[in-house]
């Protein structure tokens, strides 16, 4: 398939998030692979991924066409059109496949990776020695693994929401003994729940803060 040459659209496409994620970690890959997330092809541990968010939302169909025509070897996992934004996630065992798909997207919409929004850490807290009542109510609405009473809980909120994806993956890389309890990566803001020892979730919190501070982009 030959790549699309131009975007035939009357509205200029805004790049909100351009997020390469190298080497999906075990828990985060499993979270991405559940049917409520990966409505297409599920990723596996060690895959390389790219997540893109654009506005207006329906333009994500053009973005998908650009990526898959340029690099048919990548697999689309998430394709989501919400009220204002569109989200696409593609992945491959080979990082160069993801890189080519991403470059085709950028070229096709006339943007660069630095045109994305700069992430902001809105809130971060560690709650030690979670009570059994709080563990029960968290576990009833979780999307990943359970938190156990007595563990420490890291909660983080960030914007744009998709940065919760790379935050979850890199926090797991920094402290793989922690438990990924919940990830909310689509919407107005992204949220993470990570459980473990106080020392373990503290390392995850520090890594998330370091990571988000180092990502370049424009101000909202």
N, C-alpha and C. Protein backbone atom coordinates (compact mmCIF):
# COMPACT_ATOMS: atom_id res chain seq x y z
N UNK A 1 0.84 -1.19 0.00
CA UNK A 1 0.00 0.00 0.00
C UNK A 1 0.88 1.24 0.00
N UNK A 2 0.51 2.21 -0.79
CA UNK A 2 1.28 3.45 -0.82
C UNK A 2 0.71 4.42 0.19
N UNK A 3 1.58 5.23 0.85
CA UNK A 3 1.09 6.17 1.84
C UNK A 3 0.25 7.27 1.22
N UNK A 4 -0.73 7.74 1.98
CA UNK A 4 -1.54 8.87 1.51
C UNK A 4 -0.66 10.10 1.41
N UNK A 5 -0.82 10.87 0.35
CA UNK A 5 0.05 12.02 0.11
C UNK A 5 -0.37 13.25 0.90
N UNK A 6 -1.67 13.48 0.99
CA UNK A 6 -2.15 14.69 1.64
C UNK A 6 -3.36 14.38 2.49
N UNK A 7 -3.65 15.28 3.40
CA UNK A 7 -4.87 15.20 4.19
C UNK A 7 -5.91 16.08 3.52
N UNK A 8 -6.97 15.46 3.00
CA UNK A 8 -8.02 16.22 2.32
C UNK A 8 -9.07 16.63 3.35
N UNK A 9 -8.77 17.64 4.12
CA UNK A 9 -9.67 18.07 5.18
C UNK A 9 -9.80 19.58 5.17
N UNK A 10 -10.97 20.05 5.57
CA UNK A 10 -11.20 21.49 5.60
C UNK A 10 -10.79 22.09 6.94
N UNK A 11 -10.55 21.25 7.96
CA UNK A 11 -10.18 21.71 9.29
C UNK A 11 -8.75 21.29 9.60
N UNK A 12 -7.95 22.21 10.10
CA UNK A 12 -6.58 21.89 10.48
C UNK A 12 -6.58 20.96 11.69
N UNK A 13 -5.77 19.91 11.63
CA UNK A 13 -5.74 18.91 12.69
C UNK A 13 -4.76 19.35 13.78
N UNK A 14 -5.25 19.33 15.01
CA UNK A 14 -4.42 19.66 16.17
C UNK A 14 -3.81 18.38 16.73
N UNK A 15 -2.49 18.38 16.91
CA UNK A 15 -1.81 17.28 17.57
C UNK A 15 -1.77 17.56 19.07
N UNK A 16 -2.47 16.76 19.86
CA UNK A 16 -2.51 16.95 21.31
C UNK A 16 -1.48 16.09 22.03
N UNK A 17 -1.34 14.83 21.58
CA UNK A 17 -0.39 13.92 22.21
C UNK A 17 0.26 13.07 21.13
N UNK A 18 1.59 12.95 21.21
CA UNK A 18 2.36 12.05 20.34
C UNK A 18 3.31 11.30 21.26
N UNK A 19 2.99 10.06 21.56
CA UNK A 19 3.58 9.38 22.70
C UNK A 19 4.18 8.02 22.34
N UNK A 20 5.46 7.97 21.94
CA UNK A 20 6.10 6.66 21.75
C UNK A 20 6.37 6.02 23.11
N UNK A 21 6.12 4.72 23.22
CA UNK A 21 6.40 3.98 24.45
C UNK A 21 7.24 2.77 24.06
N UNK A 22 8.49 2.77 24.46
CA UNK A 22 9.41 1.69 24.11
C UNK A 22 9.33 0.58 25.14
N UNK A 23 9.12 -0.65 24.67
CA UNK A 23 9.17 -1.80 25.57
C UNK A 23 8.04 -1.82 26.58
N UNK A 24 6.85 -2.24 26.16
CA UNK A 24 5.73 -2.32 27.09
C UNK A 24 6.05 -3.28 28.23
N UNK A 25 5.82 -2.82 29.44
CA UNK A 25 6.06 -3.65 30.61
C UNK A 25 4.91 -4.63 30.81
N UNK A 26 5.14 -5.66 31.61
CA UNK A 26 4.21 -6.79 31.69
C UNK A 26 2.81 -6.38 32.14
N UNK A 27 2.70 -5.65 33.24
CA UNK A 27 1.37 -5.30 33.76
C UNK A 27 0.66 -4.31 32.85
N UNK A 28 1.40 -3.32 32.36
CA UNK A 28 0.75 -2.33 31.51
C UNK A 28 0.34 -2.93 30.18
N UNK A 29 1.15 -3.82 29.63
CA UNK A 29 0.77 -4.51 28.39
C UNK A 29 -0.49 -5.32 28.60
N UNK A 30 -0.59 -6.01 29.74
CA UNK A 30 -1.79 -6.79 30.03
C UNK A 30 -3.01 -5.89 30.15
N UNK A 31 -2.84 -4.72 30.77
CA UNK A 31 -3.95 -3.77 30.87
C UNK A 31 -4.39 -3.31 29.48
N UNK A 32 -3.44 -2.97 28.62
CA UNK A 32 -3.79 -2.52 27.26
C UNK A 32 -4.46 -3.62 26.45
N UNK A 33 -4.20 -4.87 26.79
CA UNK A 33 -4.71 -5.99 25.99
C UNK A 33 -6.12 -6.41 26.34
N UNK A 34 -6.69 -5.88 27.43
CA UNK A 34 -8.05 -6.30 27.79
C UNK A 34 -9.04 -5.74 26.77
N UNK A 35 -10.17 -6.42 26.55
CA UNK A 35 -11.09 -6.00 25.49
C UNK A 35 -11.61 -4.58 25.61
N UNK A 36 -11.75 -4.06 26.83
CA UNK A 36 -12.24 -2.68 26.97
C UNK A 36 -11.22 -1.66 26.51
N UNK A 37 -9.96 -2.06 26.38
CA UNK A 37 -8.92 -1.16 25.88
C UNK A 37 -8.60 -1.50 24.43
N UNK A 38 -8.06 -2.72 24.22
CA UNK A 38 -7.62 -3.12 22.89
C UNK A 38 -8.80 -3.69 22.11
N UNK A 39 -9.55 -2.82 21.49
CA UNK A 39 -10.68 -3.28 20.69
C UNK A 39 -10.21 -3.85 19.34
N UNK A 40 -8.93 -3.65 19.04
CA UNK A 40 -8.37 -4.20 17.82
C UNK A 40 -7.43 -5.35 18.15
N UNK A 41 -6.14 -5.15 17.89
CA UNK A 41 -5.12 -6.19 18.10
C UNK A 41 -4.45 -5.97 19.45
N UNK A 42 -4.49 -6.94 20.36
CA UNK A 42 -3.91 -6.73 21.69
C UNK A 42 -2.39 -6.76 21.64
N UNK A 43 -1.72 -5.86 22.37
CA UNK A 43 -0.27 -5.89 22.46
C UNK A 43 0.19 -6.91 23.49
N UNK A 44 1.48 -7.20 23.48
CA UNK A 44 2.08 -8.10 24.47
C UNK A 44 3.32 -7.45 25.06
N UNK A 45 3.78 -8.02 26.16
CA UNK A 45 4.97 -7.51 26.83
C UNK A 45 6.14 -7.42 25.85
N UNK A 46 6.86 -6.30 25.88
CA UNK A 46 8.01 -6.11 25.01
C UNK A 46 7.71 -5.43 23.70
N UNK A 47 6.43 -5.32 23.33
CA UNK A 47 6.08 -4.57 22.13
C UNK A 47 6.44 -3.09 22.31
N UNK A 48 6.61 -2.43 21.19
CA UNK A 48 6.80 -0.98 21.18
C UNK A 48 5.51 -0.34 20.68
N UNK A 49 5.12 0.76 21.29
CA UNK A 49 3.81 1.34 20.99
C UNK A 49 3.94 2.83 20.70
N UNK A 50 2.92 3.33 20.03
CA UNK A 50 2.76 4.76 19.80
C UNK A 50 1.29 5.10 20.04
N UNK A 51 1.05 6.11 20.86
CA UNK A 51 -0.31 6.58 21.12
C UNK A 51 -0.41 8.03 20.68
N UNK A 52 -1.43 8.31 19.88
CA UNK A 52 -1.63 9.65 19.32
C UNK A 52 -3.03 10.13 19.67
N UNK A 53 -3.12 11.40 20.06
CA UNK A 53 -4.43 12.03 20.28
C UNK A 53 -4.49 13.31 19.45
N UNK A 54 -5.59 13.47 18.73
CA UNK A 54 -5.75 14.65 17.87
C UNK A 54 -7.14 15.23 18.04
N UNK A 55 -7.29 16.43 17.53
CA UNK A 55 -8.60 17.09 17.46
C UNK A 55 -8.73 17.72 16.08
N UNK A 56 -9.93 17.72 15.49
CA UNK A 56 -11.17 17.13 15.99
C UNK A 56 -11.13 15.60 16.00
N UNK A 57 -12.05 14.99 16.78
CA UNK A 57 -11.98 13.57 17.04
C UNK A 57 -12.05 12.70 15.80
N UNK A 58 -12.92 13.03 14.86
CA UNK A 58 -13.12 12.17 13.70
C UNK A 58 -11.90 12.12 12.79
N UNK A 59 -11.01 13.10 12.91
CA UNK A 59 -9.78 13.09 12.10
C UNK A 59 -8.87 11.93 12.45
N UNK A 60 -9.16 11.20 13.53
CA UNK A 60 -8.33 10.05 13.88
C UNK A 60 -8.45 8.96 12.81
N UNK A 61 -9.53 8.96 12.04
CA UNK A 61 -9.64 7.98 10.96
C UNK A 61 -8.62 8.26 9.86
N UNK A 62 -8.36 9.53 9.57
CA UNK A 62 -7.31 9.89 8.61
C UNK A 62 -5.94 9.53 9.18
N UNK A 63 -5.73 9.80 10.45
CA UNK A 63 -4.47 9.46 11.10
C UNK A 63 -4.21 7.96 11.03
N UNK A 64 -5.25 7.17 11.26
CA UNK A 64 -5.12 5.71 11.18
C UNK A 64 -4.74 5.28 9.77
N UNK A 65 -5.38 5.87 8.77
CA UNK A 65 -5.07 5.56 7.38
C UNK A 65 -3.61 5.88 7.06
N UNK A 66 -3.13 7.02 7.52
CA UNK A 66 -1.74 7.41 7.28
C UNK A 66 -0.78 6.38 7.87
N UNK A 67 -1.04 5.96 9.11
CA UNK A 67 -0.13 5.04 9.79
C UNK A 67 -0.12 3.66 9.13
N UNK A 68 -1.29 3.13 8.82
CA UNK A 68 -1.37 1.75 8.33
C UNK A 68 -0.95 1.62 6.87
N UNK A 69 -1.13 2.66 6.09
CA UNK A 69 -0.64 2.62 4.71
C UNK A 69 0.88 2.72 4.67
N UNK A 70 1.45 3.53 5.54
CA UNK A 70 2.90 3.70 5.55
C UNK A 70 3.61 2.48 6.12
N UNK A 71 3.00 1.82 7.11
CA UNK A 71 3.64 0.68 7.75
C UNK A 71 2.58 -0.36 8.11
N UNK A 72 2.24 -1.24 7.14
CA UNK A 72 1.20 -2.25 7.40
C UNK A 72 1.57 -3.24 8.50
N UNK A 73 2.84 -3.28 8.90
CA UNK A 73 3.26 -4.25 9.92
C UNK A 73 2.82 -3.85 11.32
N UNK A 74 2.48 -2.59 11.54
CA UNK A 74 2.01 -2.21 12.87
C UNK A 74 0.57 -2.67 13.06
N UNK A 75 0.21 -2.94 14.31
CA UNK A 75 -1.13 -3.40 14.64
C UNK A 75 -1.86 -2.33 15.45
N UNK A 76 -3.05 -1.93 15.02
CA UNK A 76 -3.81 -0.96 15.81
C UNK A 76 -4.54 -1.65 16.96
N UNK A 77 -4.32 -1.17 18.17
CA UNK A 77 -4.98 -1.74 19.33
C UNK A 77 -6.17 -0.91 19.77
N UNK A 78 -5.97 0.39 19.93
CA UNK A 78 -7.03 1.30 20.37
C UNK A 78 -7.34 2.28 19.25
N UNK A 79 -8.59 2.37 18.89
CA UNK A 79 -9.08 3.41 17.99
C UNK A 79 -10.35 3.94 18.63
N UNK A 80 -10.28 5.18 19.11
CA UNK A 80 -11.36 5.70 19.94
C UNK A 80 -11.69 7.12 19.51
N UNK A 81 -12.95 7.37 19.24
CA UNK A 81 -13.42 8.72 18.92
C UNK A 81 -14.31 9.18 20.07
N UNK A 82 -13.82 10.12 20.87
CA UNK A 82 -14.64 10.64 21.95
C UNK A 82 -15.26 11.96 21.53
N UNK A 83 -15.82 12.69 22.50
CA UNK A 83 -16.58 13.88 22.16
C UNK A 83 -15.75 14.93 21.43
N UNK A 84 -14.53 15.17 21.91
CA UNK A 84 -13.71 16.22 21.32
C UNK A 84 -12.44 15.71 20.65
N UNK A 85 -11.93 14.56 21.06
CA UNK A 85 -10.63 14.09 20.61
C UNK A 85 -10.72 12.67 20.03
N UNK A 86 -9.72 12.33 19.21
CA UNK A 86 -9.59 10.98 18.70
C UNK A 86 -8.28 10.38 19.18
N UNK A 87 -8.28 9.08 19.46
CA UNK A 87 -7.11 8.40 20.01
C UNK A 87 -6.80 7.16 19.17
N UNK A 88 -5.54 6.99 18.85
CA UNK A 88 -5.06 5.80 18.15
C UNK A 88 -3.84 5.25 18.88
N UNK A 89 -3.82 3.93 19.09
CA UNK A 89 -2.62 3.25 19.58
C UNK A 89 -2.24 2.19 18.57
N UNK A 90 -0.97 2.18 18.16
CA UNK A 90 -0.43 1.12 17.31
C UNK A 90 0.80 0.53 17.99
N UNK A 91 1.10 -0.73 17.67
CA UNK A 91 2.25 -1.38 18.30
C UNK A 91 2.85 -2.41 17.37
N UNK A 92 4.08 -2.78 17.69
CA UNK A 92 4.81 -3.78 16.90
C UNK A 92 5.94 -4.33 17.75
N UNK A 93 6.42 -5.51 17.40
CA UNK A 93 7.60 -6.04 18.07
C UNK A 93 8.85 -5.26 17.67
N UNK A 94 8.77 -4.53 16.55
CA UNK A 94 9.94 -3.83 16.02
C UNK A 94 9.73 -2.32 16.13
N UNK A 95 10.63 -1.67 16.82
CA UNK A 95 10.49 -0.24 17.07
C UNK A 95 10.50 0.58 15.79
N UNK A 96 11.27 0.11 14.78
CA UNK A 96 11.36 0.88 13.54
C UNK A 96 10.01 0.92 12.80
N UNK A 97 9.20 -0.11 12.96
CA UNK A 97 7.87 -0.10 12.35
C UNK A 97 7.02 1.01 12.96
N UNK A 98 7.06 1.11 14.26
CA UNK A 98 6.28 2.14 14.96
C UNK A 98 6.80 3.53 14.60
N UNK A 99 8.11 3.66 14.48
CA UNK A 99 8.70 4.95 14.13
C UNK A 99 8.25 5.41 12.75
N UNK A 100 8.22 4.48 11.76
CA UNK A 100 7.79 4.83 10.42
C UNK A 100 6.31 5.21 10.39
N UNK A 101 5.50 4.48 11.12
CA UNK A 101 4.07 4.81 11.18
C UNK A 101 3.88 6.20 11.80
N UNK A 102 4.61 6.47 12.85
CA UNK A 102 4.50 7.77 13.50
C UNK A 102 4.94 8.91 12.61
N UNK A 103 6.03 8.71 11.89
CA UNK A 103 6.50 9.77 11.00
C UNK A 103 5.50 10.04 9.88
N UNK A 104 4.86 8.99 9.40
CA UNK A 104 3.84 9.16 8.36
C UNK A 104 2.67 9.99 8.89
N UNK A 105 2.30 9.78 10.14
CA UNK A 105 1.23 10.58 10.74
C UNK A 105 1.65 12.05 10.80
N UNK A 106 2.85 12.30 11.32
CA UNK A 106 3.31 13.68 11.46
C UNK A 106 3.40 14.37 10.10
N UNK A 107 3.96 13.67 9.11
CA UNK A 107 4.08 14.26 7.78
C UNK A 107 2.70 14.53 7.18
N UNK A 108 1.79 13.60 7.38
CA UNK A 108 0.48 13.71 6.76
C UNK A 108 -0.37 14.84 7.31
N UNK A 109 -0.19 15.15 8.61
CA UNK A 109 -0.98 16.24 9.21
C UNK A 109 -0.18 17.53 9.33
N UNK A 110 1.06 17.51 8.85
CA UNK A 110 1.88 18.72 8.87
C UNK A 110 2.28 19.17 10.24
N UNK A 111 2.62 18.22 11.10
CA UNK A 111 3.01 18.53 12.47
C UNK A 111 4.33 17.87 12.81
N UNK A 112 4.93 18.30 13.93
CA UNK A 112 6.11 17.63 14.48
C UNK A 112 5.77 17.16 15.89
N UNK A 113 6.58 16.25 16.41
CA UNK A 113 6.30 15.70 17.74
C UNK A 113 6.26 16.80 18.80
N UNK A 114 7.06 17.85 18.62
CA UNK A 114 7.10 18.94 19.58
C UNK A 114 5.86 19.81 19.59
N UNK A 115 4.94 19.58 18.65
CA UNK A 115 3.69 20.34 18.62
C UNK A 115 2.66 19.81 19.61
N UNK A 116 2.95 18.69 20.25
CA UNK A 116 2.01 18.16 21.23
C UNK A 116 1.94 19.06 22.46
N UNK A 117 0.95 18.83 23.30
CA UNK A 117 0.81 19.56 24.54
C UNK A 117 1.82 19.06 25.57
N UNK A 118 2.33 19.97 26.37
CA UNK A 118 3.24 19.58 27.45
C UNK A 118 2.42 18.96 28.59
N UNK A 119 2.84 17.81 29.11
CA UNK A 119 2.07 17.21 30.21
C UNK A 119 2.22 18.00 31.51
N UNK A 120 1.15 17.96 32.30
CA UNK A 120 1.15 18.61 33.61
C UNK A 120 0.73 17.59 34.67
N UNK A 121 1.53 17.51 35.73
CA UNK A 121 1.17 16.65 36.86
C UNK A 121 0.27 17.47 37.78
N UNK A 122 -1.00 17.09 37.83
CA UNK A 122 -1.99 17.87 38.57
C UNK A 122 -2.04 17.50 40.05
N UNK A 123 -1.75 16.23 40.36
CA UNK A 123 -1.86 15.79 41.74
C UNK A 123 -1.08 14.49 41.90
N UNK A 124 -0.42 14.34 43.06
CA UNK A 124 0.28 13.10 43.38
C UNK A 124 0.30 12.93 44.89
N UNK A 125 -0.01 11.73 45.35
CA UNK A 125 -0.06 11.49 46.80
C UNK A 125 0.19 10.02 47.06
N UNK A 126 0.80 9.71 48.19
CA UNK A 126 0.99 8.34 48.66
C UNK A 126 0.21 8.17 49.95
N UNK A 127 -0.73 7.22 49.95
CA UNK A 127 -1.54 6.91 51.13
C UNK A 127 -1.02 5.60 51.70
N UNK A 128 -0.49 5.64 52.91
CA UNK A 128 0.12 4.47 53.51
C UNK A 128 -0.91 3.63 54.26
N UNK A 129 -0.66 2.32 54.31
CA UNK A 129 -1.46 1.39 55.12
C UNK A 129 -2.96 1.53 54.82
N UNK A 130 -3.32 1.24 53.58
CA UNK A 130 -4.71 1.35 53.14
C UNK A 130 -5.61 0.46 54.00
N UNK A 131 -6.76 1.00 54.43
CA UNK A 131 -7.69 0.23 55.23
C UNK A 131 -8.43 -0.79 54.36
N UNK A 132 -8.99 -1.80 55.01
CA UNK A 132 -9.70 -2.82 54.24
C UNK A 132 -10.94 -2.24 53.56
N UNK A 133 -11.63 -1.28 54.21
CA UNK A 133 -12.80 -0.67 53.57
C UNK A 133 -12.43 0.07 52.29
N UNK A 134 -11.32 0.82 52.34
CA UNK A 134 -10.92 1.56 51.14
C UNK A 134 -10.43 0.62 50.06
N UNK A 135 -9.75 -0.45 50.42
CA UNK A 135 -9.31 -1.44 49.43
C UNK A 135 -10.50 -2.06 48.71
N UNK A 136 -11.56 -2.37 49.46
CA UNK A 136 -12.75 -2.97 48.86
C UNK A 136 -13.38 -2.04 47.84
N UNK A 137 -13.55 -0.77 48.18
CA UNK A 137 -14.25 0.14 47.28
C UNK A 137 -13.39 0.49 46.06
N UNK A 138 -12.07 0.53 46.22
CA UNK A 138 -11.19 0.73 45.06
C UNK A 138 -11.26 -0.48 44.13
N UNK A 139 -11.23 -1.68 44.70
CA UNK A 139 -11.21 -2.89 43.88
C UNK A 139 -12.50 -3.09 43.10
N UNK A 140 -13.59 -2.52 43.55
CA UNK A 140 -14.85 -2.68 42.83
C UNK A 140 -14.89 -1.88 41.53
N UNK A 141 -14.05 -0.87 41.41
CA UNK A 141 -14.05 -0.05 40.20
C UNK A 141 -12.73 -0.08 39.45
N UNK A 142 -11.84 -0.98 39.82
CA UNK A 142 -10.51 -1.04 39.20
C UNK A 142 -10.61 -1.60 37.78
N UNK A 143 -9.58 -1.30 36.96
CA UNK A 143 -9.47 -1.83 35.62
C UNK A 143 -8.31 -2.81 35.48
N UNK A 144 -7.47 -2.91 36.50
CA UNK A 144 -6.33 -3.82 36.43
C UNK A 144 -6.33 -4.74 37.64
N UNK A 145 -5.25 -4.78 38.43
CA UNK A 145 -5.14 -5.72 39.54
C UNK A 145 -5.70 -5.13 40.83
N UNK A 146 -5.78 -5.97 41.87
CA UNK A 146 -6.35 -5.54 43.15
C UNK A 146 -5.29 -4.94 44.06
N UNK A 147 -5.74 -4.03 44.91
CA UNK A 147 -4.92 -3.54 46.00
C UNK A 147 -5.31 -4.31 47.25
N UNK A 148 -4.34 -4.64 48.10
CA UNK A 148 -4.58 -5.38 49.33
C UNK A 148 -4.53 -4.43 50.53
N UNK A 149 -5.38 -4.65 51.53
CA UNK A 149 -5.29 -3.84 52.75
C UNK A 149 -3.89 -3.88 53.34
N UNK A 150 -3.44 -2.73 53.81
CA UNK A 150 -2.10 -2.64 54.39
C UNK A 150 -1.04 -2.16 53.42
N UNK A 151 -1.32 -2.23 52.12
CA UNK A 151 -0.36 -1.70 51.14
C UNK A 151 -0.41 -0.18 51.12
N UNK A 152 0.62 0.41 50.55
CA UNK A 152 0.61 1.85 50.28
C UNK A 152 0.07 2.08 48.87
N UNK A 153 -0.61 3.19 48.69
CA UNK A 153 -1.26 3.50 47.41
C UNK A 153 -0.75 4.83 46.88
N UNK A 154 -0.22 4.79 45.65
CA UNK A 154 0.14 6.01 44.93
C UNK A 154 -1.00 6.38 44.00
N UNK A 155 -1.47 7.62 44.11
CA UNK A 155 -2.47 8.14 43.18
C UNK A 155 -1.88 9.35 42.47
N UNK A 156 -2.06 9.41 41.16
CA UNK A 156 -1.55 10.51 40.36
C UNK A 156 -2.62 10.95 39.38
N UNK A 157 -2.67 12.25 39.11
CA UNK A 157 -3.56 12.78 38.07
C UNK A 157 -2.75 13.72 37.19
N UNK A 158 -2.97 13.63 35.87
CA UNK A 158 -2.17 14.41 34.92
C UNK A 158 -3.02 14.78 33.71
N UNK A 159 -2.56 15.76 32.97
CA UNK A 159 -3.22 16.19 31.74
C UNK A 159 -2.15 16.50 30.70
N UNK A 160 -2.46 16.20 29.41
CA UNK A 160 -3.60 15.44 28.90
C UNK A 160 -3.63 14.00 29.44
N UNK A 161 -4.80 13.39 29.36
CA UNK A 161 -5.02 12.09 30.00
C UNK A 161 -4.09 11.00 29.50
N UNK A 162 -3.76 11.01 28.20
CA UNK A 162 -2.98 9.91 27.63
C UNK A 162 -1.59 9.77 28.23
N UNK A 163 -1.08 10.82 28.86
CA UNK A 163 0.24 10.69 29.47
C UNK A 163 0.23 9.72 30.65
N UNK A 164 -0.95 9.35 31.11
CA UNK A 164 -1.03 8.29 32.13
C UNK A 164 -0.51 6.97 31.59
N UNK A 165 -0.57 6.77 30.27
CA UNK A 165 -0.08 5.53 29.67
C UNK A 165 1.42 5.38 29.85
N UNK A 166 2.17 6.38 29.42
CA UNK A 166 3.63 6.28 29.54
C UNK A 166 4.04 6.37 31.01
N UNK A 167 3.29 7.10 31.82
CA UNK A 167 3.58 7.16 33.25
C UNK A 167 3.44 5.79 33.90
N UNK A 168 2.37 5.06 33.55
CA UNK A 168 2.17 3.72 34.09
C UNK A 168 3.28 2.78 33.67
N UNK A 169 3.66 2.84 32.39
CA UNK A 169 4.67 1.93 31.87
C UNK A 169 6.03 2.19 32.50
N UNK A 170 6.42 3.44 32.60
CA UNK A 170 7.75 3.76 33.12
C UNK A 170 7.80 3.62 34.64
N UNK A 171 6.69 3.84 35.32
CA UNK A 171 6.65 3.57 36.76
C UNK A 171 6.83 2.09 37.03
N UNK A 172 6.25 1.24 36.18
CA UNK A 172 6.44 -0.21 36.32
C UNK A 172 7.87 -0.60 36.02
N UNK A 173 8.48 0.03 35.03
CA UNK A 173 9.88 -0.27 34.72
C UNK A 173 10.78 0.09 35.91
N UNK A 174 10.48 1.21 36.58
CA UNK A 174 11.30 1.66 37.70
C UNK A 174 11.10 0.81 38.95
N UNK A 175 9.88 0.27 39.12
CA UNK A 175 9.58 -0.51 40.32
C UNK A 175 8.62 -1.65 39.95
N UNK A 176 9.12 -2.70 39.28
CA UNK A 176 8.23 -3.75 38.77
C UNK A 176 7.55 -4.56 39.86
N UNK A 177 7.99 -4.44 41.10
CA UNK A 177 7.35 -5.18 42.18
C UNK A 177 6.01 -4.56 42.60
N UNK A 178 5.75 -3.33 42.17
CA UNK A 178 4.47 -2.70 42.49
C UNK A 178 3.33 -3.36 41.72
N UNK A 179 2.10 -3.07 42.14
CA UNK A 179 0.91 -3.57 41.46
C UNK A 179 0.20 -2.42 40.77
N UNK A 180 -0.02 -2.56 39.47
CA UNK A 180 -0.81 -1.59 38.72
C UNK A 180 -2.28 -1.89 38.98
N UNK A 181 -2.94 -0.98 39.67
CA UNK A 181 -4.32 -1.21 40.11
C UNK A 181 -5.33 -0.62 39.13
N UNK A 182 -5.06 0.57 38.65
CA UNK A 182 -6.02 1.22 37.76
C UNK A 182 -5.30 2.26 36.90
N UNK A 183 -5.77 2.39 35.67
CA UNK A 183 -5.27 3.40 34.73
C UNK A 183 -6.49 4.00 34.03
N UNK A 184 -6.58 5.30 34.06
CA UNK A 184 -7.60 6.01 33.28
C UNK A 184 -6.84 6.94 32.35
N UNK A 185 -6.82 6.63 31.05
CA UNK A 185 -5.96 7.35 30.12
C UNK A 185 -6.72 8.06 29.01
N UNK A 186 -8.05 8.09 29.10
CA UNK A 186 -8.86 8.79 28.12
C UNK A 186 -9.85 9.69 28.85
N UNK A 187 -9.93 10.95 28.44
CA UNK A 187 -10.84 11.89 29.09
C UNK A 187 -10.16 13.22 29.34
N UNK A 188 -10.70 13.98 30.26
CA UNK A 188 -10.15 15.31 30.56
C UNK A 188 -8.80 15.22 31.24
N UNK A 189 -8.61 14.22 32.11
CA UNK A 189 -7.33 14.02 32.78
C UNK A 189 -7.10 12.53 32.97
N UNK A 190 -5.82 12.17 33.11
CA UNK A 190 -5.46 10.77 33.31
C UNK A 190 -5.17 10.50 34.77
N UNK A 191 -5.47 9.28 35.21
CA UNK A 191 -5.29 8.92 36.62
C UNK A 191 -4.64 7.55 36.73
N UNK A 192 -3.78 7.43 37.73
CA UNK A 192 -3.09 6.17 38.02
C UNK A 192 -3.29 5.79 39.48
N UNK A 193 -3.50 4.48 39.72
CA UNK A 193 -3.47 3.91 41.05
C UNK A 193 -2.41 2.81 41.03
N UNK A 194 -1.40 2.94 41.88
CA UNK A 194 -0.32 1.96 41.96
C UNK A 194 -0.13 1.57 43.41
N UNK A 195 -0.10 0.26 43.69
CA UNK A 195 0.02 -0.22 45.06
C UNK A 195 1.34 -0.94 45.27
N UNK A 196 1.78 -0.94 46.53
CA UNK A 196 3.01 -1.64 46.88
C UNK A 196 3.50 -1.22 48.24
N UNK A 197 4.79 -1.41 48.49
CA UNK A 197 5.38 -0.89 49.71
C UNK A 197 5.52 0.62 49.59
N UNK A 198 5.69 1.28 50.71
CA UNK A 198 5.89 2.73 50.67
C UNK A 198 7.13 3.08 49.87
N UNK A 199 8.19 2.30 50.02
CA UNK A 199 9.42 2.56 49.26
C UNK A 199 9.19 2.34 47.77
N UNK A 200 8.47 1.28 47.42
CA UNK A 200 8.24 0.97 46.02
C UNK A 200 7.39 2.01 45.31
N UNK A 201 6.29 2.42 45.93
CA UNK A 201 5.44 3.42 45.28
C UNK A 201 6.11 4.78 45.29
N UNK A 202 6.98 5.02 46.27
CA UNK A 202 7.74 6.27 46.27
C UNK A 202 8.67 6.36 45.08
N UNK A 203 9.32 5.23 44.71
CA UNK A 203 10.16 5.23 43.51
C UNK A 203 9.33 5.44 42.26
N UNK A 204 8.15 4.85 42.22
CA UNK A 204 7.26 5.06 41.07
C UNK A 204 6.85 6.53 40.96
N UNK A 205 6.52 7.15 42.07
CA UNK A 205 6.11 8.56 42.06
C UNK A 205 7.24 9.46 41.57
N UNK A 206 8.46 9.18 42.04
CA UNK A 206 9.60 9.99 41.60
C UNK A 206 9.86 9.83 40.11
N UNK A 207 9.70 8.60 39.59
CA UNK A 207 9.91 8.37 38.17
C UNK A 207 8.86 9.08 37.33
N UNK A 208 7.62 9.05 37.77
CA UNK A 208 6.55 9.74 37.03
C UNK A 208 6.81 11.24 36.99
N UNK A 209 7.20 11.81 38.10
CA UNK A 209 7.48 13.25 38.14
C UNK A 209 8.65 13.60 37.22
N UNK A 210 9.72 12.78 37.26
CA UNK A 210 10.88 13.02 36.40
C UNK A 210 10.51 12.90 34.94
N UNK A 211 9.76 11.86 34.60
CA UNK A 211 9.38 11.60 33.22
C UNK A 211 8.56 12.74 32.63
N UNK A 212 7.51 13.13 33.33
CA UNK A 212 6.61 14.16 32.79
C UNK A 212 7.32 15.51 32.67
N UNK A 213 8.22 15.80 33.61
CA UNK A 213 8.96 17.06 33.56
C UNK A 213 9.89 17.13 32.34
N UNK A 214 10.29 15.97 31.83
CA UNK A 214 11.25 15.95 30.73
C UNK A 214 10.62 15.89 29.34
N UNK A 215 9.30 15.82 29.25
CA UNK A 215 8.62 15.73 27.94
C UNK A 215 8.36 17.14 27.42
N UNK A 216 8.82 17.40 26.21
CA UNK A 216 8.66 18.73 25.62
C UNK A 216 7.32 18.85 24.89
N UNK A 217 6.83 20.07 24.84
CA UNK A 217 5.59 20.34 24.14
C UNK A 217 5.18 21.78 24.34
N UNK A 218 4.06 22.11 23.74
CA UNK A 218 3.55 23.48 23.86
C UNK A 218 2.63 23.58 25.06
N UNK A 219 2.45 24.82 25.53
CA UNK A 219 1.53 25.05 26.62
C UNK A 219 0.09 25.02 26.11
N UNK A 220 -0.79 24.55 26.94
CA UNK A 220 -2.22 24.45 26.57
C UNK A 220 -2.82 25.85 26.43
